[in-house]
């Protein structure tokens, strides 16, 4: 992961700025999920925007779920993944 997950989306979001950081997308049981599919590359600018702009947060969530398999998600049964995917339009 050498570039921000939002970089390919181009004009939909503000341009990427700063170094690439790791964004832990999901919290489960009060802890960050430490799985490859749940950790997304984010430039500093977009990583900072996650808590400020819902659209950016949702874009990272969608990118994460595109990487996850059904078996991956089954390891975290208390999250309603079906509903989350539906709300993200997946």
C-alpha atoms as a PDB file:
ATOM      1  CA  UNK A   1       0.000   0.000   0.000  1.00  0.00           C
ATOM      2  CA  UNK A   2       1.946   2.907  -1.314  1.00  0.00           C
ATOM      3  CA  UNK A   3      -0.820   5.379  -2.014  1.00  0.00           C
ATOM      4  CA  UNK A   4      -4.017   6.605  -0.457  1.00  0.00           C
ATOM      5  CA  UNK A   5      -7.060   4.418  -1.103  1.00  0.00           C
ATOM      6  CA  UNK A   6      -8.919   7.547  -2.235  1.00  0.00           C
ATOM      7  CA  UNK A   7      -6.310   8.523  -4.848  1.00  0.00           C
ATOM      8  CA  UNK A   8      -7.950   6.516  -7.685  1.00  0.00           C
ATOM      9  CA  UNK A   9     -11.239   8.348  -7.076  1.00  0.00           C
ATOM     10  CA  UNK A  10      -9.676  11.557  -8.372  1.00  0.00           C
ATOM     11  CA  UNK A  11     -12.045  14.507  -8.435  1.00  0.00           C
ATOM     12  CA  UNK A  12     -14.609  13.047  -6.029  1.00  0.00           C
ATOM     13  CA  UNK A  13     -12.500  14.154  -3.041  1.00  0.00           C
ATOM     14  CA  UNK A  14      -9.907  16.760  -2.325  1.00  0.00           C
ATOM     15  CA  UNK A  15      -6.458  15.830  -3.694  1.00  0.00           C
ATOM     16  CA  UNK A  16      -4.178  13.653  -1.592  1.00  0.00           C
ATOM     17  CA  UNK A  17      -1.563  15.452   0.496  1.00  0.00           C
ATOM     18  CA  UNK A  18       1.138  14.287   2.860  1.00  0.00           C
ATOM     19  CA  UNK A  19       2.670  10.956   3.696  1.00  0.00           C
ATOM     20  CA  UNK A  20       0.791   7.672   3.563  1.00  0.00           C
ATOM     21  CA  UNK A  21      -0.449   6.472   6.947  1.00  0.00           C
ATOM     22  CA  UNK A  22      -2.365   3.390   8.085  1.00  0.00           C
ATOM     23  CA  UNK A  23      -6.039   3.889   8.837  1.00  0.00           C
ATOM     24  CA  UNK A  24      -7.697   1.208  10.982  1.00  0.00           C
ATOM     25  CA  UNK A  25     -11.203   1.334   9.576  1.00  0.00           C
ATOM     26  CA  UNK A  26     -13.149  -0.861  12.011  1.00  0.00           C
ATOM     27  CA  UNK A  27     -13.533  -1.031  15.786  1.00  0.00           C
ATOM     28  CA  UNK A  28     -14.808  -4.292  17.263  1.00  0.00           C
ATOM     29  CA  UNK A  29     -15.227  -4.898  20.963  1.00  0.00           C
ATOM     30  CA  UNK A  30     -13.575  -1.557  21.695  1.00  0.00           C
ATOM     31  CA  UNK A  31     -10.414  -2.457  19.777  1.00  0.00           C
ATOM     32  CA  UNK A  32      -9.164  -1.835  16.267  1.00  0.00           C
ATOM     33  CA  UNK A  33      -9.478  -4.834  13.967  1.00  0.00           C
ATOM     34  CA  UNK A  34      -5.906  -5.863  13.168  1.00  0.00           C
ATOM     35  CA  UNK A  35      -6.529  -7.617   9.846  1.00  0.00           C
ATOM     36  CA  UNK A  36      -5.063  -6.776   6.436  1.00  0.00           C
ATOM     37  CA  UNK A  37      -8.509  -6.046   4.992  1.00  0.00           C
ATOM     38  CA  UNK A  38      -9.343  -3.655   7.853  1.00  0.00           C
ATOM     39  CA  UNK A  39      -6.232  -1.467   7.550  1.00  0.00           C
ATOM     40  CA  UNK A  40      -6.276   0.948   4.614  1.00  0.00           C
ATOM     41  CA  UNK A  41      -3.604   3.288   3.255  1.00  0.00           C
ATOM     42  CA  UNK A  42      -4.571   6.939   3.682  1.00  0.00           C
ATOM     43  CA  UNK A  43      -2.679  10.108   2.913  1.00  0.00           C
ATOM     44  CA  UNK A  44      -2.321  12.384   5.931  1.00  0.00           C
ATOM     45  CA  UNK A  45      -4.922  14.794   4.577  1.00  0.00           C
ATOM     46  CA  UNK A  46      -7.661  12.183   4.073  1.00  0.00           C
ATOM     47  CA  UNK A  47      -6.744  10.366   7.283  1.00  0.00           C
ATOM     48  CA  UNK A  48      -7.338  13.616   9.160  1.00  0.00           C
ATOM     49  CA  UNK A  49     -10.709  14.036   7.416  1.00  0.00           C
ATOM     50  CA  UNK A  50     -12.122  10.654   8.553  1.00  0.00           C
ATOM     51  CA  UNK A  51     -13.595  12.105  11.742  1.00  0.00           C
ATOM     52  CA  UNK A  52     -14.701  15.328  10.057  1.00  0.00           C
ATOM     53  CA  UNK A  53     -16.399  14.175   6.858  1.00  0.00           C
ATOM     54  CA  UNK A  54     -18.770  11.241   6.715  1.00  0.00           C
ATOM     55  CA  UNK A  55     -18.212  10.728   2.975  1.00  0.00           C
ATOM     56  CA  UNK A  56     -14.491  10.152   3.504  1.00  0.00           C
ATOM     57  CA  UNK A  57     -15.141   7.716   6.371  1.00  0.00           C
ATOM     58  CA  UNK A  58     -17.648   5.817   4.243  1.00  0.00           C
ATOM     59  CA  UNK A  59     -15.228   5.678   1.291  1.00  0.00           C
ATOM     60  CA  UNK A  60     -12.595   4.047   3.502  1.00  0.00           C
ATOM     61  CA  UNK A  61     -15.193   1.628   4.884  1.00  0.00           C
ATOM     62  CA  UNK A  62     -16.230   0.644   1.354  1.00  0.00           C
ATOM     63  CA  UNK A  63     -12.585   0.176   0.302  1.00  0.00           C
ATOM     64  CA  UNK A  64     -12.030  -2.057   3.316  1.00  0.00           C
ATOM     65  CA  UNK A  65     -15.087  -4.195   2.649  1.00  0.00           C
ATOM     66  CA  UNK A  66     -14.028  -4.677  -0.976  1.00  0.00           C
ATOM     67  CA  UNK A  67     -10.892  -6.376   0.398  1.00  0.00           C
ATOM     68  CA  UNK A  68     -12.725  -8.557   2.947  1.00  0.00           C
ATOM     69  CA  UNK A  69     -14.064 -12.019   2.220  1.00  0.00           C
ATOM     70  CA  UNK A  70     -17.211 -13.469   3.774  1.00  0.00           C
ATOM     71  CA  UNK A  71     -14.937 -15.680   5.901  1.00  0.00           C
ATOM     72  CA  UNK A  72     -13.061 -12.588   7.139  1.00  0.00           C
ATOM     73  CA  UNK A  73     -16.289 -10.901   8.180  1.00  0.00           C
ATOM     74  CA  UNK A  74     -17.616 -14.082   9.825  1.00  0.00           C
ATOM     75  CA  UNK A  75     -14.853 -13.749  12.424  1.00  0.00           C
ATOM     76  CA  UNK A  76     -16.641 -10.627  13.707  1.00  0.00           C
ATOM     77  CA  UNK A  77     -20.266 -11.801  14.051  1.00  0.00           C
ATOM     78  CA  UNK A  78     -21.532  -9.006  16.302  1.00  0.00           C
ATOM     79  CA  UNK A  79     -21.270  -6.486  13.467  1.00  0.00           C
ATOM     80  CA  UNK A  80     -24.186  -6.513  11.061  1.00  0.00           C
ATOM     81  CA  UNK A  81     -22.014  -6.601   7.950  1.00  0.00           C
ATOM     82  CA  UNK A  82     -24.989  -7.108   5.658  1.00  0.00           C
ATOM     83  CA  UNK A  83     -26.588  -3.875   6.884  1.00  0.00           C
ATOM     84  CA  UNK A  84     -23.287  -1.994   6.773  1.00  0.00           C
ATOM     85  CA  UNK A  85     -22.730  -3.065   3.164  1.00  0.00           C
ATOM     86  CA  UNK A  86     -26.271  -2.040   2.277  1.00  0.00           C
ATOM     87  CA  UNK A  87     -25.804   1.405   3.832  1.00  0.00           C
ATOM     88  CA  UNK A  88     -22.598   1.850   1.810  1.00  0.00           C
ATOM     89  CA  UNK A  89     -24.312   0.802  -1.402  1.00  0.00           C
ATOM     90  CA  UNK A  90     -22.277  -2.395  -1.802  1.00  0.00           C
END
